[in-house]
Protein backbone atom coordinates (compact mmCIF):
# COMPACT_ATOMS: atom_id res chain seq x y z
CA UNK A 1 -57.48 -108.52 124.50
CA UNK A 2 -60.45 -108.05 123.05
CA UNK A 3 -62.96 -110.71 123.10
CA UNK A 4 -65.99 -111.58 120.06
CA UNK A 5 -69.06 -109.65 120.98
CA UNK A 6 -71.70 -108.48 119.75
CA UNK A 7 -72.25 -104.84 119.35
CA UNK A 8 -75.52 -103.14 120.27
CA UNK A 9 -74.96 -99.84 118.79
CA UNK A 10 -72.53 -97.16 117.97
CA UNK A 11 -72.73 -93.58 118.46
CA UNK A 12 -70.80 -90.60 116.67
CA UNK A 13 -71.13 -86.88 116.40
CA UNK A 14 -70.06 -83.71 115.15
CA UNK A 15 -69.66 -80.48 117.03
CA UNK A 16 -70.04 -77.56 114.33
CA UNK A 17 -68.90 -74.23 115.76
CA UNK A 18 -69.64 -70.98 113.68
CA UNK A 19 -66.70 -68.44 113.10
CA UNK A 20 -67.69 -65.07 112.64
CA UNK A 21 -66.15 -63.24 109.55
CA UNK A 22 -64.70 -60.29 111.68
CA UNK A 23 -62.69 -62.88 113.02
CA UNK A 24 -60.32 -64.90 111.49
CA UNK A 25 -58.20 -66.38 114.18
CA UNK A 26 -61.53 -68.11 115.59
CA UNK A 27 -60.66 -66.77 119.01
CA UNK A 28 -64.59 -65.64 119.35
CA UNK A 29 -66.26 -69.20 118.07
CA UNK A 30 -69.70 -68.85 119.08
CA UNK A 31 -70.68 -72.27 121.13
CA UNK A 32 -74.34 -71.24 121.04
CA UNK A 33 -77.15 -72.74 118.28
CA UNK A 34 -77.31 -70.08 115.38
CA UNK A 35 -80.32 -70.14 113.05
CA UNK A 36 -79.69 -68.93 109.40
CA UNK A 37 -82.19 -68.07 107.13
CA UNK A 38 -81.84 -68.48 103.59
CA UNK A 39 -84.26 -67.02 102.37
CA UNK A 40 -82.71 -63.32 103.80
CA UNK A 41 -78.94 -64.85 103.03
CA UNK A 42 -79.68 -66.49 99.56
CA UNK A 43 -82.78 -66.41 98.57
CA UNK A 44 -83.83 -69.84 99.03
CA UNK A 45 -87.43 -70.00 100.23
CA UNK A 46 -88.75 -72.53 103.30
CA UNK A 47 -84.75 -73.55 104.00
CA UNK A 48 -83.01 -72.89 107.23
CA UNK A 49 -79.57 -74.26 108.82
CA UNK A 50 -79.23 -74.47 112.73
CA UNK A 51 -75.45 -75.17 113.58
CA UNK A 52 -73.60 -74.80 116.18
CA UNK A 53 -74.58 -75.78 120.27
CA UNK A 54 -73.18 -78.88 121.74
CA UNK A 55 -73.22 -81.91 120.86
CA UNK A 56 -75.98 -82.45 124.18
CA UNK A 57 -78.83 -80.29 122.83
CA UNK A 58 -78.79 -81.97 118.69
CA UNK A 59 -82.49 -83.12 120.09
CA UNK A 60 -83.93 -79.73 121.15
CA UNK A 61 -82.05 -78.06 118.01
CA UNK A 62 -83.63 -80.61 115.74
CA UNK A 63 -87.34 -80.50 117.81
């Protein structure tokens, strides 16, 4: 049984993995940090996406 307690904090995360278009099976999914410069890809100046990596590196990616 669970007693009534005060919840101090909750935490969850998502681990985004980057797959290659050349590998539809997903076997070679990158677990490293990948940067997408949308100025080069999509013509959107000043917009960069940082994705991949491990959940524990979220702060490093943000900085």
